[in-house]
Amino acid sequence: MLADAVAKMKDGKYKDFSMNDEERYELYLAAWLHDCGKVATPPHVVDKGTKLETIFDRIELIRTRMELLKRDAEIAFLKRQLNGQSTEAYDDEYHKTIEVLEANMKFLEECNIGGEFMKPELQDRVKSIGKEMIKLKGGQQTFLSEEEIQNLNIPKGTLLPEEREIINDHIVITIEMLEQLPYPNNLKNVPEFAGGHHEKMDGTGYPKGLNSTQMSTQAKIMAIADIYEALTAADRPYKEGKKLSQAMRIMGFMKNDYHIDEDLFEIFVTSGVYKKYANDHVAESQIDEVDEDSVLGKK
């Protein structure tokens, strides 16, 4: 869609860009293969929907431990009653303990989602909760393990740095896989087109750190298409699909930061390609009004 829109330009930076049927098929094939390296990425990392998720979400283990703490508090409370020690002060203490435990559990569940930035004070609260002692297996241990604290305190998103590196490696594997395949001459650029969609115009992307002058127009087009699809996709276990206005606003910021090509992004917006894609592939509930002038920085 975007490549065809660019090829129709009669003026501007890309007025000389064109594609014949073979070149269009070459880009089409690269688009299908651009993430083939993910076959070597562990599914529990690719699909990590929460901070504590591995092959299952370990928040359930924490809920069980929290129920044990509530049980212990209840047992202590009932023992006092049986011993004739029940007083209003003890009653208040018990109910306050239960309130604190339930509030802590709700807080940990929210941290596990990874929906907001973990400020230092939030990380300190996780550590404080984690240091509480719990009776398990005839002995005592901390409420949270060090590994659980590390995951819950991920500042943004659900991935640890080492997991993020594993995710990023998929593009390296993609390039390695595609470069080993024999291609007819009309498909020789497939590895370059497919392997450049995480590069940025300012050279801060990966895996090669290419800048705008080192990238083909097709690779730049792939980068915009990949970002837009990722932002609006509703089938990712680790996030909800964003509304069009949110997705385009984010891409506008990326354009301002020289992460995507400014001229191609303007074509993406003004040609209506983003709307056409949304009408075909995005849930109706996500489609809202986009302030195109604002997105393009014309306001």
C-alpha atoms as a PDB file:
ATOM      1  CA  MET A   1       0.000   0.000   0.000  1.00  0.00           C
ATOM      2  CA  LEU A   2       2.601   2.544   1.090  1.00  0.00           C
ATOM      3  CA  ALA A   3       5.065   1.581  -1.645  1.00  0.00           C
ATOM      4  CA  ASP A   4       2.359   2.043  -4.276  1.00  0.00           C
ATOM      5  CA  ALA A   5       1.460   5.439  -2.804  1.00  0.00           C
ATOM      6  CA  VAL A   6       5.113   6.511  -2.900  1.00  0.00           C
ATOM      7  CA  ALA A   7       5.439   5.366  -6.515  1.00  0.00           C
ATOM      8  CA  LYS A   8       2.570   7.688  -7.474  1.00  0.00           C
ATOM      9  CA  MET A   9       4.316  10.809  -6.162  1.00  0.00           C
ATOM     10  CA  LYS A  10       4.891  13.461  -8.835  1.00  0.00           C
ATOM     11  CA  ASP A  11       7.000  15.788  -6.717  1.00  0.00           C
ATOM     12  CA  GLY A  12       9.042  15.835  -3.552  1.00  0.00           C
ATOM     13  CA  LYS A  13      11.930  13.677  -2.392  1.00  0.00           C
ATOM     14  CA  TYR A  14      10.508  10.447  -3.809  1.00  0.00           C
ATOM     15  CA  LYS A  15       9.170  11.690  -7.141  1.00  0.00           C
ATOM     16  CA  ASP A  16      11.620   9.408  -8.993  1.00  0.00           C
ATOM     17  CA  PHE A  17      10.751   6.267  -7.017  1.00  0.00           C
ATOM     18  CA  SER A  18       9.040   3.576  -9.057  1.00  0.00           C
ATOM     19  CA  MET A  19       8.491  -0.184  -8.980  1.00  0.00           C
ATOM     20  CA  ASN A  20       7.711  -2.631 -11.746  1.00  0.00           C
ATOM     21  CA  ASP A  21       5.856  -5.888 -11.084  1.00  0.00           C
ATOM     22  CA  GLU A  22       9.049  -7.814 -10.258  1.00  0.00           C
ATOM     23  CA  GLU A  23      10.225  -5.154  -7.809  1.00  0.00           C
ATOM     24  CA  ARG A  24       6.789  -5.057  -6.211  1.00  0.00           C
ATOM     25  CA  TYR A  25       6.897  -8.843  -5.754  1.00  0.00           C
ATOM     26  CA  GLU A  26      10.397  -8.582  -4.262  1.00  0.00           C
ATOM     27  CA  LEU A  27       9.106  -6.177  -1.606  1.00  0.00           C
ATOM     28  CA  TYR A  28       5.994  -8.313  -1.075  1.00  0.00           C
ATOM     29  CA  LEU A  29       8.147 -11.381  -0.406  1.00  0.00           C
ATOM     30  CA  ALA A  30      10.421  -9.439   1.950  1.00  0.00           C
ATOM     31  CA  ALA A  31       7.364  -8.302   3.911  1.00  0.00           C
ATOM     32  CA  TRP A  32       6.229 -11.896   4.403  1.00  0.00           C
ATOM     33  CA  LEU A  33       9.701 -12.961   5.539  1.00  0.00           C
ATOM     34  CA  HIS A  34      10.694  -9.947   7.653  1.00  0.00           C
ATOM     35  CA  ASP A  35      10.181 -11.737  10.989  1.00  0.00           C
ATOM     36  CA  CYS A  36      11.104 -15.288  10.003  1.00  0.00           C
ATOM     37  CA  GLY A  37      13.892 -15.239  12.618  1.00  0.00           C
ATOM     38  CA  LYS A  38      11.253 -15.400  15.345  1.00  0.00           C
ATOM     39  CA  VAL A  39      11.013 -19.154  14.743  1.00  0.00           C
ATOM     40  CA  ALA A  40      14.220 -19.380  16.804  1.00  0.00           C
ATOM     41  CA  THR A  41      12.913 -17.160  19.624  1.00  0.00           C
ATOM     42  CA  PRO A  42      11.421 -18.948  22.668  1.00  0.00           C
ATOM     43  CA  PRO A  43       7.614 -18.527  22.602  1.00  0.00           C
ATOM     44  CA  HIS A  44       7.490 -17.681  26.317  1.00  0.00           C
ATOM     45  CA  VAL A  45       9.711 -14.651  25.584  1.00  0.00           C
ATOM     46  CA  VAL A  46       7.976 -13.536  22.375  1.00  0.00           C
ATOM     47  CA  ASP A  47       4.557 -13.864  24.008  1.00  0.00           C
ATOM     48  CA  LYS A  48       5.499 -12.663  27.497  1.00  0.00           C
ATOM     49  CA  GLY A  49       2.275 -10.900  28.385  1.00  0.00           C
ATOM     50  CA  THR A  50       3.133 -10.109  32.012  1.00  0.00           C
ATOM     51  CA  LYS A  51       6.344  -9.572  33.951  1.00  0.00           C
ATOM     52  CA  LEU A  52       6.074 -12.888  35.801  1.00  0.00           C
ATOM     53  CA  GLU A  53       5.026 -14.988  32.828  1.00  0.00           C
ATOM     54  CA  THR A  54       7.152 -17.947  31.739  1.00  0.00           C
ATOM     55  CA  ILE A  55       5.226 -21.020  30.602  1.00  0.00           C
ATOM     56  CA  PHE A  56       2.567 -19.809  33.049  1.00  0.00           C
ATOM     57  CA  ASP A  57       1.945 -16.562  34.937  1.00  0.00           C
ATOM     58  CA  ARG A  58       3.663 -16.844  38.307  1.00  0.00           C
ATOM     59  CA  ILE A  59       1.386 -14.204  39.805  1.00  0.00           C
ATOM     60  CA  GLU A  60      -0.779 -17.207  40.716  1.00  0.00           C
ATOM     61  CA  LEU A  61       1.984 -18.469  43.021  1.00  0.00           C
ATOM     62  CA  ILE A  62       2.109 -15.081  44.700  1.00  0.00           C
ATOM     63  CA  ARG A  63      -1.670 -15.082  45.142  1.00  0.00           C
ATOM     64  CA  THR A  64      -1.365 -18.467  46.862  1.00  0.00           C
ATOM     65  CA  ARG A  65       1.317 -17.142  49.209  1.00  0.00           C
ATOM     66  CA  MET A  66      -0.828 -14.112  49.980  1.00  0.00           C
ATOM     67  CA  GLU A  67      -3.725 -16.402  50.891  1.00  0.00           C
ATOM     68  CA  LEU A  68      -1.375 -18.231  53.263  1.00  0.00           C
ATOM     69  CA  LEU A  69      -0.496 -14.946  54.974  1.00  0.00           C
ATOM     70  CA  LYS A  70      -4.196 -14.130  55.300  1.00  0.00           C
ATOM     71  CA  ARG A  71      -4.815 -17.622  56.672  1.00  0.00           C
ATOM     72  CA  ASP A  72      -2.038 -17.202  59.253  1.00  0.00           C
ATOM     73  CA  ALA A  73      -3.503 -13.858  60.323  1.00  0.00           C
ATOM     74  CA  GLU A  74      -6.942 -15.427  60.656  1.00  0.00           C
ATOM     75  CA  ILE A  75      -5.603 -18.379  62.674  1.00  0.00           C
ATOM     76  CA  ALA A  76      -3.823 -16.016  65.077  1.00  0.00           C
ATOM     77  CA  PHE A  77      -7.014 -13.976  65.412  1.00  0.00           C
ATOM     78  CA  LEU A  78      -9.175 -17.045  66.109  1.00  0.00           C
ATOM     79  CA  LYS A  79      -6.689 -18.390  68.651  1.00  0.00           C
ATOM     80  CA  ARG A  80      -6.958 -15.149  70.575  1.00  0.00           C
ATOM     81  CA  GLN A  81     -10.725 -15.477  70.570  1.00  0.00           C
ATOM     82  CA  LEU A  82     -10.533 -19.074  71.825  1.00  0.00           C
ATOM     83  CA  ASN A  83      -8.199 -17.970  74.590  1.00  0.00           C
ATOM     84  CA  GLY A  84     -10.576 -15.224  75.588  1.00  0.00           C
ATOM     85  CA  GLN A  85      -8.203 -12.516  74.376  1.00  0.00           C
ATOM     86  CA  SER A  86     -10.512 -11.009  71.773  1.00  0.00           C
ATOM     87  CA  THR A  87     -10.698  -7.266  72.157  1.00  0.00           C
ATOM     88  CA  GLU A  88     -11.682  -4.401  69.928  1.00  0.00           C
ATOM     89  CA  ALA A  89      -8.000  -3.566  69.470  1.00  0.00           C
ATOM     90  CA  TYR A  90      -7.230  -7.122  68.319  1.00  0.00           C
ATOM     91  CA  ASP A  91     -10.233  -7.041  65.978  1.00  0.00           C
ATOM     92  CA  ASP A  92      -9.051  -3.779  64.429  1.00  0.00           C
ATOM     93  CA  GLU A  93      -5.513  -5.124  64.089  1.00  0.00           C
ATOM     94  CA  TYR A  94      -6.731  -8.254  62.283  1.00  0.00           C
ATOM     95  CA  HIS A  95      -8.951  -6.367  59.837  1.00  0.00           C
ATOM     96  CA  LYS A  96      -6.192  -3.827  59.183  1.00  0.00           C
ATOM     97  CA  THR A  97      -3.737  -6.672  58.467  1.00  0.00           C
ATOM     98  CA  ILE A  98      -6.153  -8.199  55.940  1.00  0.00           C
ATOM     99  CA  GLU A  99      -6.664  -4.803  54.274  1.00  0.00           C
ATOM    100  CA  VAL A 100      -2.896  -4.299  53.940  1.00  0.00           C
ATOM    101  CA  LEU A 101      -2.376  -7.794  52.489  1.00  0.00           C
ATOM    102  CA  GLU A 102      -5.172  -7.327  49.953  1.00  0.00           C
ATOM    103  CA  ALA A 103      -3.842  -3.882  48.984  1.00  0.00           C
ATOM    104  CA  ASN A 104      -0.356  -5.341  48.528  1.00  0.00           C
ATOM    105  CA  MET A 105      -1.737  -8.113  46.326  1.00  0.00           C
ATOM    106  CA  LYS A 106      -3.629  -5.635  44.161  1.00  0.00           C
ATOM    107  CA  PHE A 107      -0.464  -3.544  43.836  1.00  0.00           C
ATOM    108  CA  LEU A 108       1.629  -6.563  42.767  1.00  0.00           C
ATOM    109  CA  GLU A 109      -1.014  -7.564  40.218  1.00  0.00           C
ATOM    110  CA  GLU A 110      -0.876  -4.069  38.720  1.00  0.00           C
ATOM    111  CA  CYS A 111       2.938  -4.153  38.637  1.00  0.00           C
ATOM    112  CA  ASN A 112       2.806  -7.516  36.879  1.00  0.00           C
ATOM    113  CA  ILE A 113       0.827  -6.079  33.963  1.00  0.00           C
ATOM    114  CA  GLY A 114       3.635  -3.689  33.008  1.00  0.00           C
ATOM    115  CA  GLY A 115       1.251  -0.968  31.920  1.00  0.00           C
ATOM    116  CA  GLU A 116       2.939   1.957  33.644  1.00  0.00           C
ATOM    117  CA  PHE A 117       6.479   3.125  34.355  1.00  0.00           C
ATOM    118  CA  MET A 118       7.863   1.745  37.627  1.00  0.00           C
ATOM    119  CA  LYS A 119       9.081   4.778  39.542  1.00  0.00           C
ATOM    120  CA  PRO A 120      11.738   4.258  42.264  1.00  0.00           C
ATOM    121  CA  GLU A 121       9.134   4.512  45.023  1.00  0.00           C
ATOM    122  CA  LEU A 122       7.068   1.761  43.388  1.00  0.00           C
ATOM    123  CA  GLN A 123      10.153  -0.428  43.071  1.00  0.00           C
ATOM    124  CA  ASP A 124      10.938   0.181  46.748  1.00  0.00           C
ATOM    125  CA  ARG A 125       7.428  -0.933  47.683  1.00  0.00           C
ATOM    126  CA  VAL A 126       7.882  -4.189  45.746  1.00  0.00           C
ATOM    127  CA  LYS A 127      11.152  -4.816  47.591  1.00  0.00           C
ATOM    128  CA  SER A 128       9.530  -4.051  50.939  1.00  0.00           C
ATOM    129  CA  ILE A 129       6.676  -6.480  50.288  1.00  0.00           C
ATOM    130  CA  GLY A 130       9.154  -9.068  49.059  1.00  0.00           C
ATOM    131  CA  LYS A 131      11.138  -8.984  52.301  1.00  0.00           C
ATOM    132  CA  GLU A 132       8.144 -10.056  54.393  1.00  0.00           C
ATOM    133  CA  MET A 133       8.577 -13.569  55.781  1.00  0.00           C
ATOM    134  CA  ILE A 134       6.194 -16.455  55.137  1.00  0.00           C
ATOM    135  CA  LYS A 135       6.070 -19.985  56.569  1.00  0.00           C
ATOM    136  CA  LEU A 136       6.486 -22.588  53.835  1.00  0.00           C
ATOM    137  CA  LYS A 137       7.616 -26.221  53.882  1.00  0.00           C
ATOM    138  CA  GLY A 138       8.152 -26.198  57.624  1.00  0.00           C
ATOM    139  CA  GLY A 139      10.444 -23.180  57.491  1.00  0.00           C
ATOM    140  CA  GLN A 140      10.472 -19.503  56.650  1.00  0.00           C
ATOM    141  CA  GLN A 141      11.324 -17.719  53.418  1.00  0.00           C
ATOM    142  CA  THR A 142      10.865 -14.279  51.945  1.00  0.00           C
ATOM    143  CA  PHE A 143       7.481 -13.572  50.385  1.00  0.00           C
ATOM    144  CA  LEU A 144       9.083 -12.835  46.985  1.00  0.00           C
ATOM    145  CA  SER A 145      12.213 -14.371  45.510  1.00  0.00           C
ATOM    146  CA  GLU A 146      14.974 -12.120  44.160  1.00  0.00           C
ATOM    147  CA  GLU A 147      14.055 -13.198  40.639  1.00  0.00           C
ATOM    148  CA  GLU A 148      10.398 -12.284  41.178  1.00  0.00           C
ATOM    149  CA  ILE A 149      11.382  -8.877  42.563  1.00  0.00           C
ATOM    150  CA  GLN A 150      13.664  -8.304  39.574  1.00  0.00           C
ATOM    151  CA  ASN A 151      10.826  -9.077  37.154  1.00  0.00           C
ATOM    152  CA  LEU A 152       8.168  -7.063  38.975  1.00  0.00           C
ATOM    153  CA  ASN A 153      10.541  -4.075  39.049  1.00  0.00           C
ATOM    154  CA  ILE A 154      11.056  -4.010  35.271  1.00  0.00           C
ATOM    155  CA  PRO A 155      10.773  -0.232  34.676  1.00  0.00           C
ATOM    156  CA  LYS A 156       8.789  -0.392  31.434  1.00  0.00           C
ATOM    157  CA  GLY A 157       6.954  -3.207  29.695  1.00  0.00           C
ATOM    158  CA  THR A 158       7.285  -6.865  30.639  1.00  0.00           C
ATOM    159  CA  LEU A 159      10.760  -7.833  29.424  1.00  0.00           C
ATOM    160  CA  LEU A 160      14.049  -8.040  31.310  1.00  0.00           C
ATOM    161  CA  PRO A 161      17.085  -6.590  29.459  1.00  0.00           C
ATOM    162  CA  GLU A 162      18.302 -10.087  28.582  1.00  0.00           C
ATOM    163  CA  GLU A 163      14.847 -11.014  27.268  1.00  0.00           C
ATOM    164  CA  ARG A 164      14.732  -7.817  25.219  1.00  0.00           C
ATOM    165  CA  GLU A 165      18.078  -8.818  23.726  1.00  0.00           C
ATOM    166  CA  ILE A 166      16.654 -12.217  22.788  1.00  0.00           C
ATOM    167  CA  ILE A 167      13.734 -10.482  21.070  1.00  0.00           C
ATOM    168  CA  ASN A 168      16.063  -8.108  19.232  1.00  0.00           C
ATOM    169  CA  ASP A 169      18.178 -11.028  18.067  1.00  0.00           C
ATOM    170  CA  HIS A 170      15.304 -12.243  15.888  1.00  0.00           C
ATOM    171  CA  ILE A 171      16.260  -9.710  13.227  1.00  0.00           C
ATOM    172  CA  VAL A 172      19.870 -10.927  13.241  1.00  0.00           C
ATOM    173  CA  ILE A 173      18.614 -14.479  12.757  1.00  0.00           C
ATOM    174  CA  THR A 174      16.251 -13.273  10.025  1.00  0.00           C
ATOM    175  CA  ILE A 175      19.145 -11.723   8.100  1.00  0.00           C
ATOM    176  CA  GLU A 176      21.356 -14.794   8.595  1.00  0.00           C
ATOM    177  CA  MET A 177      18.589 -17.108   7.375  1.00  0.00           C
ATOM    178  CA  LEU A 178      17.706 -15.018   4.344  1.00  0.00           C
ATOM    179  CA  GLU A 179      21.293 -14.343   3.296  1.00  0.00           C
ATOM    180  CA  GLN A 180      21.957 -18.075   3.076  1.00  0.00           C
ATOM    181  CA  LEU A 181      19.201 -18.651   0.529  1.00  0.00           C
ATOM    182  CA  PRO A 182      19.920 -18.615  -3.214  1.00  0.00           C
ATOM    183  CA  TYR A 183      17.868 -15.962  -5.001  1.00  0.00           C
ATOM    184  CA  PRO A 184      17.188 -15.208  -8.635  1.00  0.00           C
ATOM    185  CA  ASN A 185      18.492 -11.791  -9.607  1.00  0.00           C
ATOM    186  CA  ASN A 186      15.072 -10.164  -9.298  1.00  0.00           C
ATOM    187  CA  LEU A 187      14.871 -11.156  -5.590  1.00  0.00           C
ATOM    188  CA  LYS A 188      18.440 -10.408  -4.525  1.00  0.00           C
ATOM    189  CA  ASN A 189      17.385  -7.500  -2.275  1.00  0.00           C
ATOM    190  CA  VAL A 190      14.977  -9.519  -0.112  1.00  0.00           C
ATOM    191  CA  PRO A 191      17.463  -9.856   2.815  1.00  0.00           C
ATOM    192  CA  GLU A 192      18.169  -6.100   2.834  1.00  0.00           C
ATOM    193  CA  PHE A 193      14.504  -5.101   2.635  1.00  0.00           C
ATOM    194  CA  ALA A 194      13.427  -7.616   5.287  1.00  0.00           C
ATOM    195  CA  GLY A 195      16.391  -7.038   7.583  1.00  0.00           C
ATOM    196  CA  GLY A 196      16.192  -3.256   7.817  1.00  0.00           C
ATOM    197  CA  HIS A 197      12.825  -2.700   9.461  1.00  0.00           C
ATOM    198  CA  HIS A 198      14.333  -2.022  12.914  1.00  0.00           C
ATOM    199  CA  GLU A 199      16.914   0.476  11.666  1.00  0.00           C
ATOM    200  CA  LYS A 200      16.361   4.193  12.342  1.00  0.00           C
ATOM    201  CA  MET A 201      17.059   7.275  10.270  1.00  0.00           C
ATOM    202  CA  ASP A 202      19.464   8.643  12.890  1.00  0.00           C
ATOM    203  CA  GLY A 203      21.529   5.433  13.018  1.00  0.00           C
ATOM    204  CA  THR A 204      20.394   4.328  16.485  1.00  0.00           C
ATOM    205  CA  GLY A 205      18.446   1.278  15.314  1.00  0.00           C
ATOM    206  CA  TYR A 206      19.531  -2.354  15.120  1.00  0.00           C
ATOM    207  CA  PRO A 207      21.111  -4.658  14.212  1.00  0.00           C
ATOM    208  CA  LYS A 208      23.535  -2.729  11.973  1.00  0.00           C
ATOM    209  CA  GLY A 209      22.965   0.849  13.150  1.00  0.00           C
ATOM    210  CA  LEU A 210      22.297   2.040   9.601  1.00  0.00           C
ATOM    211  CA  ASN A 211      21.286   5.644   9.000  1.00  0.00           C
ATOM    212  CA  SER A 212      18.959   7.095   6.394  1.00  0.00           C
ATOM    213  CA  THR A 213      21.606   7.369   3.680  1.00  0.00           C
ATOM    214  CA  GLN A 214      22.540   3.700   4.088  1.00  0.00           C
ATOM    215  CA  MET A 215      19.007   2.337   3.760  1.00  0.00           C
ATOM    216  CA  SER A 216      16.965   1.624   0.662  1.00  0.00           C
ATOM    217  CA  THR A 217      13.591   3.280   0.212  1.00  0.00           C
ATOM    218  CA  GLN A 218      11.965  -0.145   0.482  1.00  0.00           C
ATOM    219  CA  ALA A 219      13.587  -0.818   3.873  1.00  0.00           C
ATOM    220  CA  LYS A 220      12.369   2.569   5.129  1.00  0.00           C
ATOM    221  CA  ILE A 221       8.868   1.721   3.920  1.00  0.00           C
ATOM    222  CA  MET A 222       9.066  -1.631   5.721  1.00  0.00           C
ATOM    223  CA  ALA A 223      10.030   0.155   8.949  1.00  0.00           C
ATOM    224  CA  ILE A 224       6.946   2.388   8.861  1.00  0.00           C
ATOM    225  CA  ALA A 225       4.632  -0.497   7.974  1.00  0.00           C
ATOM    226  CA  ASP A 226       6.053  -2.716  10.730  1.00  0.00           C
ATOM    227  CA  ILE A 227       5.681  -0.034  13.414  1.00  0.00           C
ATOM    228  CA  TYR A 228       2.111   0.815  12.414  1.00  0.00           C
ATOM    229  CA  GLU A 229       1.069  -2.833  12.351  1.00  0.00           C
ATOM    230  CA  ALA A 230       2.696  -3.467  15.739  1.00  0.00           C
ATOM    231  CA  LEU A 231       0.992  -0.460  17.352  1.00  0.00           C
ATOM    232  CA  THR A 232      -2.487  -1.317  16.079  1.00  0.00           C
ATOM    233  CA  ALA A 233      -2.344  -5.128  16.328  1.00  0.00           C
ATOM    234  CA  ALA A 234      -4.897  -6.460  18.813  1.00  0.00           C
ATOM    235  CA  ASP A 235      -3.642 -10.054  18.823  1.00  0.00           C
ATOM    236  CA  ARG A 236      -0.480  -9.543  20.883  1.00  0.00           C
ATOM    237  CA  PRO A 237      -0.678 -11.242  24.323  1.00  0.00           C
ATOM    238  CA  TYR A 238       1.524  -8.577  25.910  1.00  0.00           C
ATOM    239  CA  LYS A 239      -0.444  -5.473  24.888  1.00  0.00           C
ATOM    240  CA  GLU A 240      -3.712  -4.124  23.575  1.00  0.00           C
ATOM    241  CA  GLY A 241      -3.986  -2.629  20.112  1.00  0.00           C
ATOM    242  CA  LYS A 242      -3.910   1.167  20.194  1.00  0.00           C
ATOM    243  CA  LYS A 243      -6.513   3.454  18.701  1.00  0.00           C
ATOM    244  CA  LEU A 244      -5.511   5.075  15.415  1.00  0.00           C
ATOM    245  CA  SER A 245      -5.095   8.498  17.010  1.00  0.00           C
ATOM    246  CA  GLN A 246      -2.712   7.049  19.616  1.00  0.00           C
ATOM    247  CA  ALA A 247      -0.729   5.020  17.074  1.00  0.00           C
ATOM    248  CA  MET A 248      -0.338   7.958  14.698  1.00  0.00           C
ATOM    249  CA  ARG A 249       0.604  10.305  17.533  1.00  0.00           C
ATOM    250  CA  ILE A 250       3.377   7.919  18.595  1.00  0.00           C
ATOM    251  CA  MET A 251       4.608   7.648  15.014  1.00  0.00           C
ATOM    252  CA  GLY A 252       4.586  11.432  14.784  1.00  0.00           C
ATOM    253  CA  PHE A 253       6.957  11.540  17.747  1.00  0.00           C
ATOM    254  CA  MET A 254       9.138   8.906  16.063  1.00  0.00           C
ATOM    255  CA  LYS A 255       9.269  11.058  12.943  1.00  0.00           C
ATOM    256  CA  ASN A 256      10.335  14.052  15.040  1.00  0.00           C
ATOM    257  CA  ASP A 257      13.090  11.945  16.635  1.00  0.00           C
ATOM    258  CA  TYR A 258      14.385  10.842  13.187  1.00  0.00           C
ATOM    259  CA  HIS A 259      13.472   7.217  13.838  1.00  0.00           C
ATOM    260  CA  ILE A 260      11.364   6.953  10.681  1.00  0.00           C
ATOM    261  CA  ASP A 261      11.636   8.767   7.356  1.00  0.00           C
ATOM    262  CA  GLU A 262       9.837  12.120   7.518  1.00  0.00           C
ATOM    263  CA  ASP A 263       8.852  12.291   3.846  1.00  0.00           C
ATOM    264  CA  LEU A 264       7.618   8.703   3.689  1.00  0.00           C
ATOM    265  CA  PHE A 265       5.599   9.219   6.855  1.00  0.00           C
ATOM    266  CA  GLU A 266       3.955  12.295   5.336  1.00  0.00           C
ATOM    267  CA  ILE A 267       2.963  10.222   2.307  1.00  0.00           C
ATOM    268  CA  PHE A 268       1.694   7.507   4.658  1.00  0.00           C
ATOM    269  CA  VAL A 269      -0.587  10.082   6.285  1.00  0.00           C
ATOM    270  CA  THR A 270      -1.687  12.298   3.390  1.00  0.00           C
ATOM    271  CA  SER A 271      -2.328   9.423   0.971  1.00  0.00           C
ATOM    272  CA  GLY A 272      -4.694   7.819   3.469  1.00  0.00           C
ATOM    273  CA  VAL A 273      -2.788   4.522   3.503  1.00  0.00           C
ATOM    274  CA  TYR A 274      -3.102   4.295   7.280  1.00  0.00           C
ATOM    275  CA  LYS A 275      -6.900   4.575   6.963  1.00  0.00           C
ATOM    276  CA  LYS A 276      -7.132   1.963   4.214  1.00  0.00           C
ATOM    277  CA  TYR A 277      -5.097  -0.508   6.262  1.00  0.00           C
ATOM    278  CA  ALA A 278      -7.187   0.196   9.361  1.00  0.00           C
ATOM    279  CA  ASN A 279     -10.471  -0.361   7.545  1.00  0.00           C
ATOM    280  CA  ASP A 280      -9.258  -3.776   6.386  1.00  0.00           C
ATOM    281  CA  HIS A 281      -7.229  -5.014   9.361  1.00  0.00           C
ATOM    282  CA  VAL A 282      -7.972  -3.027  12.533  1.00  0.00           C
ATOM    283  CA  ALA A 283     -10.908  -3.545  14.896  1.00  0.00           C
ATOM    284  CA  GLU A 284     -13.682  -0.992  14.458  1.00  0.00           C
ATOM    285  CA  SER A 285     -13.433  -0.054  18.139  1.00  0.00           C
ATOM    286  CA  GLN A 286      -9.854   1.171  17.535  1.00  0.00           C
ATOM    287  CA  ILE A 287     -10.684   3.396  14.581  1.00  0.00           C
ATOM    288  CA  ASP A 288     -11.130   7.005  15.633  1.00  0.00           C
ATOM    289  CA  GLU A 289     -10.450  10.480  14.267  1.00  0.00           C
ATOM    290  CA  VAL A 290      -6.814  11.376  13.581  1.00  0.00           C
ATOM    291  CA  ASP A 291      -5.637  14.995  13.591  1.00  0.00           C
ATOM    292  CA  GLU A 292      -3.341  14.655  10.585  1.00  0.00           C
ATOM    293  CA  ASP A 293      -1.967  18.198  10.741  1.00  0.00           C
ATOM    294  CA  SER A 294      -0.996  17.713  14.375  1.00  0.00           C
ATOM    295  CA  VAL A 295       0.614  14.336  13.646  1.00  0.00           C
ATOM    296  CA  LEU A 296       2.660  15.902  10.852  1.00  0.00           C
ATOM    297  CA  GLY A 297       3.697  18.837  13.030  1.00  0.00           C
ATOM    298  CA  LYS A 298       1.753  21.397  10.993  1.00  0.00           C
ATOM    299  CA  LYS A 299      -0.100  22.757  14.015  1.00  0.00           C
END
